[in-house]
Amino acid sequence: MLDNVNEFDIVIDELHKSDALKQIILIGSWTLHVYQSKYSEIESDSLTTSDIDFSIQRAFAEEKISLPSIKDSLRKLGYKSYPKGGPPEGQIFKPDISHGENKLSIEFLCTSGRWIKQPYLVKGFSVIATH
């Protein structure tokens, strides 16, 4: 688990550097890890999954941008984009085989609605968000 925690922290740090964390929301079991790092009285034996999920609110908004893009930031850390589901296909980031130390996968989600009916390319992030 410690390896996953270190990997998670590295991913979060890299997304922070690109200003992406201002525009995406961490969801799922890894949120408890963040709470634990701030509030130590929260129990630390919680279950975390092998994937990191982020929600992109208003994914269609043109002001969604990070420099470098989220895709490039994750590629720098040794993640590769793979198709998921479909058609139309979504996207999941998994460790590239050449980066054997990485174990977590990363996915971006959005809510369907008037603007989003299927997996959606968030151009400023270079990621496909699914719902």
Protein backbone atom coordinates (compact mmCIF):
# COMPACT_ATOMS: atom_id res chain seq x y z
CA MET A 1 0.00 0.00 0.00
CA LEU A 2 2.84 2.42 0.78
CA ASP A 3 4.00 2.20 -2.84
CA ASN A 4 0.50 3.14 -3.99
CA VAL A 5 0.40 6.05 -1.55
CA ASN A 6 3.73 7.37 -2.83
CA GLU A 7 2.56 6.97 -6.42
CA PHE A 8 -0.71 8.75 -5.60
CA ASP A 9 1.16 11.65 -4.00
CA ILE A 10 3.44 11.99 -7.04
CA VAL A 11 0.44 12.08 -9.40
CA ILE A 12 -1.30 14.73 -7.27
CA ASP A 13 1.88 16.84 -7.09
CA GLU A 14 2.32 16.70 -10.87
CA LEU A 15 -1.31 17.69 -11.54
CA HIS A 16 -0.92 20.53 -9.04
CA LYS A 17 2.13 21.86 -10.93
CA SER A 18 0.07 22.11 -14.14
CA ASP A 19 -2.82 23.90 -12.36
CA ALA A 20 -5.13 21.01 -13.22
CA LEU A 21 -6.14 20.45 -9.57
CA LYS A 22 -7.95 23.79 -9.58
CA GLN A 23 -10.32 22.41 -12.23
CA ILE A 24 -10.82 18.74 -11.35
CA ILE A 25 -12.17 17.01 -8.24
CA LEU A 26 -10.68 13.91 -6.66
CA ILE A 27 -13.44 11.35 -6.04
CA GLY A 28 -13.50 7.80 -4.72
CA SER A 29 -11.53 6.04 -2.03
CA TRP A 30 -8.38 8.15 -2.41
CA THR A 31 -10.18 11.18 -0.96
CA LEU A 32 -9.88 9.59 2.47
CA HIS A 33 -6.08 9.50 2.10
CA VAL A 34 -6.15 13.27 1.55
CA TYR A 35 -8.32 13.77 4.65
CA GLN A 36 -5.96 11.56 6.69
CA SER A 37 -2.95 13.61 5.67
CA LYS A 38 -4.67 16.74 6.99
CA TYR A 39 -6.64 15.29 9.91
CA SER A 40 -4.70 12.49 11.58
CA GLU A 41 -7.61 11.46 13.83
CA ILE A 42 -9.34 9.84 10.84
CA GLU A 43 -8.64 6.10 10.89
CA SER A 44 -5.73 5.15 8.69
CA ASP A 45 -6.57 1.53 7.85
CA SER A 46 -9.02 2.49 5.12
CA LEU A 47 -9.30 0.69 1.84
CA THR A 48 -7.98 2.40 -1.26
CA THR A 49 -8.47 1.14 -4.78
CA SER A 50 -5.93 0.63 -7.51
CA ASP A 51 -7.34 3.50 -9.51
CA ILE A 52 -7.53 7.25 -9.03
CA ASP A 53 -10.76 8.88 -10.20
CA PHE A 54 -11.26 12.54 -10.94
CA SER A 55 -14.46 14.35 -11.81
CA ILE A 56 -14.39 17.16 -14.34
CA GLN A 57 -17.27 19.52 -13.72
CA ARG A 58 -18.50 21.42 -16.79
CA ALA A 59 -16.10 19.43 -18.99
CA PHE A 60 -17.36 21.28 -22.07
CA ALA A 61 -16.19 24.69 -20.79
CA GLU A 62 -13.51 26.18 -23.02
CA GLU A 63 -11.56 27.60 -20.07
CA LYS A 64 -10.61 24.06 -18.98
CA ILE A 65 -6.87 24.04 -19.63
CA SER A 66 -3.69 22.91 -17.93
CA LEU A 67 -0.10 23.50 -18.99
CA PRO A 68 1.28 21.04 -19.62
CA SER A 69 -1.89 19.12 -20.45
CA ILE A 70 -3.01 16.44 -18.01
CA LYS A 71 -2.20 13.84 -20.65
CA ASP A 72 1.37 15.16 -21.01
CA SER A 73 1.81 15.37 -17.22
CA LEU A 74 0.75 11.74 -16.82
CA ARG A 75 2.89 10.64 -19.76
CA LYS A 76 5.89 12.28 -18.04
CA LEU A 77 5.20 10.10 -14.97
CA GLY A 78 5.13 6.92 -17.06
CA TYR A 79 1.41 6.53 -17.80
CA LYS A 80 -0.02 5.64 -21.15
CA SER A 81 -3.52 6.32 -22.46
CA TYR A 82 -5.63 3.29 -23.36
CA PRO A 83 -9.14 3.09 -24.81
CA LYS A 84 -11.88 2.05 -22.41
CA GLY A 85 -15.32 0.74 -23.27
CA GLY A 86 -17.13 1.98 -26.29
CA PRO A 87 -17.94 2.63 -28.92
CA PRO A 88 -17.52 5.52 -28.51
CA GLU A 89 -14.43 4.84 -26.50
CA GLY A 90 -13.47 6.42 -23.24
CA GLN A 91 -9.94 6.59 -21.92
CA ILE A 92 -7.99 5.23 -18.99
CA PHE A 93 -4.37 5.92 -18.05
CA LYS A 94 -2.32 2.92 -16.97
CA PRO A 95 1.35 2.55 -16.18
CA ASP A 96 3.50 2.05 -19.27
CA ILE A 97 5.26 -1.30 -19.13
CA SER A 98 8.62 0.49 -19.08
CA HIS A 99 7.66 2.08 -15.74
CA GLY A 100 7.19 -1.08 -13.71
CA GLU A 101 7.10 0.77 -10.39
CA ASN A 102 3.74 2.42 -11.19
CA LYS A 103 0.65 0.37 -10.32
CA LEU A 104 -2.32 2.76 -10.25
CA SER A 105 -4.65 3.56 -13.13
CA ILE A 106 -6.22 7.00 -13.58
CA GLU A 107 -9.62 7.89 -14.99
CA PHE A 108 -11.53 11.12 -15.60
CA LEU A 109 -15.30 11.25 -15.26
CA CYS A 110 -17.96 13.81 -16.07
CA THR A 111 -21.71 14.02 -15.74
CA SER A 112 -23.81 13.49 -18.80
CA GLY A 113 -26.29 16.17 -19.69
CA ARG A 114 -27.28 18.66 -22.32
CA TRP A 115 -23.72 19.13 -23.59
CA ILE A 116 -22.28 15.68 -22.99
CA LYS A 117 -23.98 12.55 -24.30
CA GLN A 118 -20.98 10.23 -24.68
CA PRO A 119 -17.28 10.13 -23.74
CA TYR A 120 -16.10 13.70 -24.12
CA LEU A 121 -12.71 15.06 -25.19
CA VAL A 122 -11.70 17.87 -22.84
CA LYS A 123 -9.37 19.61 -25.29
CA GLY A 124 -7.50 21.81 -22.81
CA PHE A 125 -6.58 18.74 -20.73
CA SER A 126 -6.14 16.29 -23.67
CA VAL A 127 -8.18 13.67 -21.83
CA ILE A 128 -11.45 11.92 -22.59
CA ALA A 129 -13.93 12.06 -19.73
CA THR A 130 -16.56 9.34 -19.44
CA HIS A 131 -19.78 9.19 -17.50
